[in-house]
Structure formats: structure tokens, C-alpha cells
């Protein structure tokens, strides 16, 4: 092999080597580069709520909190979702599926723009109050009936009045399942009439 051929092969080899390394390094994301925006809370929950079952479907805009809690007291974990409204300012409406009913019910007027749970540490405090702690969403036995309830901070929702009563819009919704029905109440005013679905 002549020196010229040898240098051409070495040059070709070096060119391919450099090209491959440049391509590989361009595929690697620098540590300070920002990731694509997402509405998922997965990273936050891995740190602060590691036992929580959670997923987010970016395409369908659905926060899935299913199979963490039993809302109807039958001993089986139920389904809970927040489904995006596809708007410019994204809001999520509540969708619940209780195992005793074997149906999933959507509540398109019950919307939150940030259905995010407090950390396990914060929630486990003896005096935890979702309103005082500025929680957007929480699940616990708030009415002390040994069944999980839902607290949700919402943009003002008009209550449906009972006969002759007028309800003011409210920001904190209490959702419970009792007697085969989902019940909605103003979390701050327990004397408000029950709103049933």
C-alpha cells in the first residue's frame, strides 16, 4: 500500500470518527438545556409523593390519579381523573369512577387549573387544612366517616339552590360519596345544602 493510499484511508477514518462523535454529541442534551414544557406533575410527585399512583397523558391532557383511594367505602380503590378542556388557559374537569357503580361520571363544570396534591409530609400533619395550606386538590377523610373525600380548589362555581334558597359561588369544593350518590358541598360552609349529581 502506498503512503498516499494509507493517508487517504487514515484521513477517511478520522473524518468518519469526528463526524460520528460530533453527531453523537449533538444528540446529547446539555445539562442546562430546558426540556419541552409539560403539564405533568410526575417529577414533583416522585420527590414528594413517591407512593402515589399517577400518570399524565400529554396528548389527551388527562391527569390520572386512579386506584389510590376508595371513595365509596366498598374496599376497592376507585378511579379519579382531571381531564383538560383543550383551552388556551388549560382547565381540568373532574371525572370519577366508583367501583360500586361501575360507571365513570364527568363533571365538566367542576374545573381546576392546577389539580396538584400537597406533599405526603404536608398532608400527614395532624392539623392539615387544605384551605389554610392553599392546596389545590387533596384527598382525605375530611368528614370523618372513614371514607376518602375530595377537596378541590376551583374557580367560582355557582351552587344549585334548593327550593327557595340561593347559594353564593364558592372556591372550595368538597366531594363525597354517600348512599349511592356523589355529593358536592361548599368546603367552607358545611351548612350549605347538598348538591347531588
Protein backbone atom coordinates (compact mmCIF):
# COMPACT_ATOMS: atom_id res chain seq x y z
CA UNK A 1 0.00 0.00 0.00
CA UNK A 2 1.38 3.36 -0.94
CA UNK A 3 1.78 6.17 1.54
CA UNK A 4 -0.82 8.18 -0.36
CA UNK A 5 -3.43 5.37 -0.06
CA UNK A 6 -2.55 4.88 3.60
CA UNK A 7 -3.03 8.61 4.36
CA UNK A 8 -6.32 8.65 2.44
CA UNK A 9 -7.65 5.72 4.50
CA UNK A 10 -6.46 7.28 7.75
CA UNK A 11 -8.00 10.60 6.69
CA UNK A 12 -11.29 8.89 5.84
CA UNK A 13 -11.24 7.04 9.15
CA UNK A 14 -10.54 10.27 11.08
CA UNK A 15 -13.28 12.10 9.18
CA UNK A 16 -15.81 9.38 9.99
CA UNK A 17 -14.65 9.27 13.60
CA UNK A 18 -15.03 13.04 14.02
CA UNK A 19 -18.35 13.12 12.20
CA UNK A 20 -19.72 10.32 14.36
CA UNK A 21 -18.56 11.99 17.57
CA UNK A 22 -20.00 15.33 16.51
CA UNK A 23 -23.32 13.71 15.70
CA UNK A 24 -23.35 11.82 19.00
CA UNK A 25 -22.53 14.95 20.99
CA UNK A 26 -25.25 16.88 19.17
CA UNK A 27 -27.77 14.23 20.28
CA UNK A 28 -26.80 14.60 23.91
CA UNK A 29 -28.70 17.34 25.64
CA UNK A 30 -26.56 19.78 27.63
CA UNK A 31 -27.38 19.74 31.33
CA UNK A 32 -28.56 23.35 31.29
CA UNK A 33 -30.87 22.91 28.27
CA UNK A 34 -34.58 23.22 29.02
CA UNK A 35 -36.92 20.31 28.42
CA UNK A 36 -40.12 20.57 26.43
CA UNK A 37 -42.92 22.02 28.56
CA UNK A 38 -45.34 19.57 30.12
CA UNK A 39 -48.38 19.72 32.36
CA UNK A 40 -47.37 16.53 34.13
CA UNK A 41 -46.62 16.53 37.87
CA UNK A 42 -44.67 13.27 37.67
CA UNK A 43 -41.28 14.73 38.62
CA UNK A 44 -42.72 16.60 41.61
CA UNK A 45 -44.63 13.53 42.82
CA UNK A 46 -41.58 11.26 42.54
CA UNK A 47 -39.85 13.53 45.05
CA UNK A 48 -42.70 14.50 47.39
CA UNK A 49 -45.36 11.76 46.97
CA UNK A 50 -43.36 8.67 45.94
CA UNK A 51 -46.11 6.14 46.78
CA UNK A 52 -48.76 7.91 44.69
CA UNK A 53 -50.05 6.19 41.54
CA UNK A 54 -50.10 8.93 38.92
CA UNK A 55 -49.72 9.42 35.20
CA UNK A 56 -50.35 12.19 32.70
CA UNK A 57 -51.43 11.72 29.11
CA UNK A 58 -49.97 14.74 27.29
CA UNK A 59 -51.98 14.15 24.11
CA UNK A 60 -55.37 13.73 25.83
CA UNK A 61 -54.48 16.18 28.64
CA UNK A 62 -55.55 13.81 31.43
CA UNK A 63 -54.13 13.65 34.96
CA UNK A 64 -54.80 10.08 36.13
CA UNK A 65 -54.92 9.58 39.91
CA UNK A 66 -56.84 6.29 39.72
CA UNK A 67 -56.55 3.43 42.21
CA UNK A 68 -55.14 5.44 45.11
CA UNK A 69 -58.32 5.87 47.20
CA UNK A 70 -61.67 4.24 47.98
CA UNK A 71 -64.41 6.88 47.68
CA UNK A 72 -67.49 4.68 48.10
CA UNK A 73 -66.36 2.54 51.05
CA UNK A 74 -66.59 -0.84 49.32
CA UNK A 75 -62.93 -1.68 49.97
CA UNK A 76 -61.91 -1.25 46.30
CA UNK A 77 -59.81 1.66 45.02
CA UNK A 78 -61.68 3.95 42.65
CA UNK A 79 -60.86 5.98 39.55
CA UNK A 80 -60.12 9.70 39.60
CA UNK A 81 -59.14 11.87 36.63
CA UNK A 82 -58.77 15.52 35.74
CA UNK A 83 -59.44 15.98 32.04
CA UNK A 84 -58.17 19.03 30.11
CA UNK A 85 -60.62 21.31 28.31
CA UNK A 86 -58.19 21.95 25.41
CA UNK A 87 -58.43 25.71 26.03
CA UNK A 88 -55.74 28.37 25.72
CA UNK A 89 -55.75 28.59 29.52
CA UNK A 90 -55.97 24.92 30.32
CA UNK A 91 -58.52 23.89 32.93
CA UNK A 92 -59.17 20.32 34.05
CA UNK A 93 -62.61 18.99 34.88
CA UNK A 94 -63.29 16.26 37.41
CA UNK A 95 -64.08 12.68 36.35
CA UNK A 96 -64.78 9.98 38.96
CA UNK A 97 -65.43 6.27 38.64
CA UNK A 98 -66.53 4.44 41.79
CA UNK A 99 -66.32 0.65 41.73
CA UNK A 100 -69.74 0.11 43.34
CA UNK A 101 -71.41 1.99 40.47
CA UNK A 102 -69.19 0.58 37.71
CA UNK A 103 -69.57 3.81 35.72
CA UNK A 104 -67.38 6.86 35.22
CA UNK A 105 -69.05 10.23 35.68
CA UNK A 106 -67.68 13.51 34.31
CA UNK A 107 -68.34 16.91 35.86
CA UNK A 108 -67.45 19.45 33.16
CA UNK A 109 -68.48 22.43 35.34
CA UNK A 110 -66.15 21.40 38.18
CA UNK A 111 -62.83 22.74 36.90
CA UNK A 112 -59.41 23.39 38.35
CA UNK A 113 -56.44 24.83 36.55
CA UNK A 114 -53.93 23.10 38.83
CA UNK A 115 -55.08 19.70 40.21
CA UNK A 116 -51.93 19.19 42.29
CA UNK A 117 -51.78 17.30 45.61
CA UNK A 118 -49.81 18.56 48.61
CA UNK A 119 -46.76 16.56 49.62
CA UNK A 120 -47.20 13.45 51.78
CA UNK A 121 -45.30 15.25 54.54
CA UNK A 122 -47.63 18.27 54.47
CA UNK A 123 -50.78 16.18 54.24
CA UNK A 124 -49.75 13.92 57.14
CA UNK A 125 -49.63 16.86 59.57
CA UNK A 126 -52.21 16.44 62.31
CA UNK A 127 -53.69 19.91 61.74
CA UNK A 128 -53.69 19.77 57.91
CA UNK A 129 -56.37 22.04 56.46
CA UNK A 130 -56.47 22.24 52.65
CA UNK A 131 -57.83 25.80 52.66
CA UNK A 132 -55.22 27.18 55.09
CA UNK A 133 -52.42 25.30 53.32
CA UNK A 134 -53.53 26.69 49.94
CA UNK A 135 -53.91 23.19 48.47
CA UNK A 136 -55.37 22.93 45.01
CA UNK A 137 -56.51 19.37 45.49
CA UNK A 138 -56.45 16.91 48.39
CA UNK A 139 -57.94 13.55 49.27
CA UNK A 140 -58.67 12.54 52.85
CA UNK A 141 -61.42 11.69 55.30
CA UNK A 142 -62.49 15.30 55.83
CA UNK A 143 -65.96 14.48 57.23
CA UNK A 144 -64.67 11.66 59.49
CA UNK A 145 -66.87 8.88 58.03
CA UNK A 146 -63.91 6.51 57.35
CA UNK A 147 -64.20 7.00 53.56
CA UNK A 148 -61.96 9.17 51.36
CA UNK A 149 -63.35 12.55 50.28
CA UNK A 150 -62.07 15.02 47.70
CA UNK A 151 -61.17 18.64 48.31
CA UNK A 152 -60.76 20.78 45.21
CA UNK A 153 -59.93 24.46 44.83
CA UNK A 154 -61.93 25.68 41.87
CA UNK A 155 -62.67 28.91 40.11
CA UNK A 156 -66.02 30.15 41.40
CA UNK A 157 -68.75 27.62 40.69
CA UNK A 158 -72.39 28.53 41.13
CA UNK A 159 -74.18 26.24 43.55
CA UNK A 160 -77.52 24.80 42.57
CA UNK A 161 -80.07 26.12 45.08
CA UNK A 162 -82.67 24.02 46.83
CA UNK A 163 -86.28 25.25 46.81
CA UNK A 164 -86.35 28.93 47.70
CA UNK A 165 -82.65 29.13 48.58
CA UNK A 166 -79.90 31.00 46.83
CA UNK A 167 -76.30 29.87 47.04
CA UNK A 168 -73.28 32.08 46.55
CA UNK A 169 -70.50 30.89 44.26
CA UNK A 170 -67.64 29.25 46.15
CA UNK A 171 -63.98 28.34 45.65
CA UNK A 172 -63.52 25.18 47.71
CA UNK A 173 -65.46 22.09 46.79
CA UNK A 174 -66.00 19.04 48.99
CA UNK A 175 -66.92 15.83 47.12
CA UNK A 176 -68.08 12.69 48.93
CA UNK A 177 -69.94 9.53 48.05
CA UNK A 178 -72.79 8.53 50.32
CA UNK A 179 -75.95 6.48 49.88
CA UNK A 180 -75.08 5.56 46.30
CA UNK A 181 -74.68 9.19 45.18
CA UNK A 182 -71.88 11.69 44.82
CA UNK A 183 -72.41 14.75 46.99
CA UNK A 184 -70.93 18.20 46.47
CA UNK A 185 -70.69 20.87 49.17
CA UNK A 186 -69.01 24.18 49.74
CA UNK A 187 -66.00 23.07 51.80
CA UNK A 188 -66.04 26.26 53.89
CA UNK A 189 -69.76 26.22 54.72
CA UNK A 190 -70.94 22.87 55.95
CA UNK A 191 -74.49 24.20 56.47
CA UNK A 192 -74.95 24.71 52.73
CA UNK A 193 -77.43 22.39 51.03
CA UNK A 194 -76.01 19.28 49.42
CA UNK A 195 -75.62 19.43 45.65
CA UNK A 196 -76.20 15.94 44.24
CA UNK A 197 -75.29 14.52 40.89
